[in-house]
Each structure stands twice: as C-alpha cells, then as structure tokens.
Amino acid sequence: KKASGSDAANYVEMSLEGYAANGIAVFIDCTTDNNNRTVANVRSYFSKCKGSLGTNGSLEFIFDKKGVFTINRSQINMNLEEFEMGLIDIGLDELETDVEAVTIYCDFPNFCNMQKYLEKLNVSIERSEIQRIPNNTKAVSSEDAKLVLKLLDKLEGDDDVQQVFHNMELTKEVLNTMET
C-alpha cells in the first residue's frame, strides 16, 4: 500500500467565506485532507471573534481575482512607458512603481500570458501570486479592528489555511488608538 501511494493523503483546495466583526468580508483559501475539520476550525474562529461563516459564493462579488507580479525596477531594460505599453497588450490592469519595485496587476485569466511575456523579456520575477483584491473597503472602529485582527491571526495560524483576504480599511485614527 505504501509503495503504491494508496496511504497518501488526498489534499483538496477549498475556499471559505464569512463576515468578521462589523461586516468585514473575509475570504479564505485552504488546502486540506479533511474538509470537515477545516470547516469546523474556521467556523469556531469566526464564532470566537464575533463573526459568522457564510455560504460559498456569498462574497465572491466583493473580491476580484488578480494576478500580481513584483519585479525589481532595475530588471527593466527599456523605457518604463514602452514596458507598460507592452504589458497593456498582454492584459495589464494596473502598474504601480516606486524607486525599487514595479508591481503588475492583471486579471486572473491573463496570469499565464503575463508570466510568459515577462520571461520572454528576461525579467526576473521576484514574486508572483494570485490575490483577491477587494472592490471596496470598509473602515472600522479600533474595537472592531482588534476583533478582526484576532480572527485574521487565528486563520493565518491554521495549517490548512493558505491565504486570507479581507476588505478592512485601517484608518490612521484607528491605528493610532491601537498603538497606545
């Protein structure tokens, strides 16, 4: 049995969705060998932090699934405008630049084409990932922010949880009250 792999665990990917304190949307990507355990754990985290686990698809409309690439700006061997124009043809949604890095956002279906294009340009990709970007964010009080952050910590500490996305906006006022 061991040699044939019949004892090997079968891992499946699943997504869970729910609302944290004050209606903050939370989207969780998991990989698990036991769906029941994972759902029970996630449900208990939500309950302990005054939230509730929702049904699949209930928050899908709040998040856009995007491909995100981060590259070192020094990797670009051409004018930044030329570089951006080439990316637009491949499916660029947004380009963010700073002194050291360039971040490229594209719709999920364009992820593979974007990666191939960057490789064709011999651009070394520092980081590439799929993210769920919220369409809108929601500001919360410092008390609610503490509950949401507690929930996020519990979720991220679970071995079955791969990524956690949310639409919480932390204002400067809330951050200042939380630091004290």
Foldseek 3Di string as FASTA:
>chain_A
DVVVCPPPADKDWDKWWWAFPPRKIKIFIFIDSDVVVVVVLLQVLRVVLVIGTDDPPPCPVFWFKKKKWKFWPVLDPDDPVVVVVVVVVLAWDDWDDDPTMIMTIGHPVSNVVSVVVCVVSVTDTPDIDIDIHGPAADEDALVRVVSVVSSVVSQVPDPGTDDMDIRYDYDPVSVVVNVD
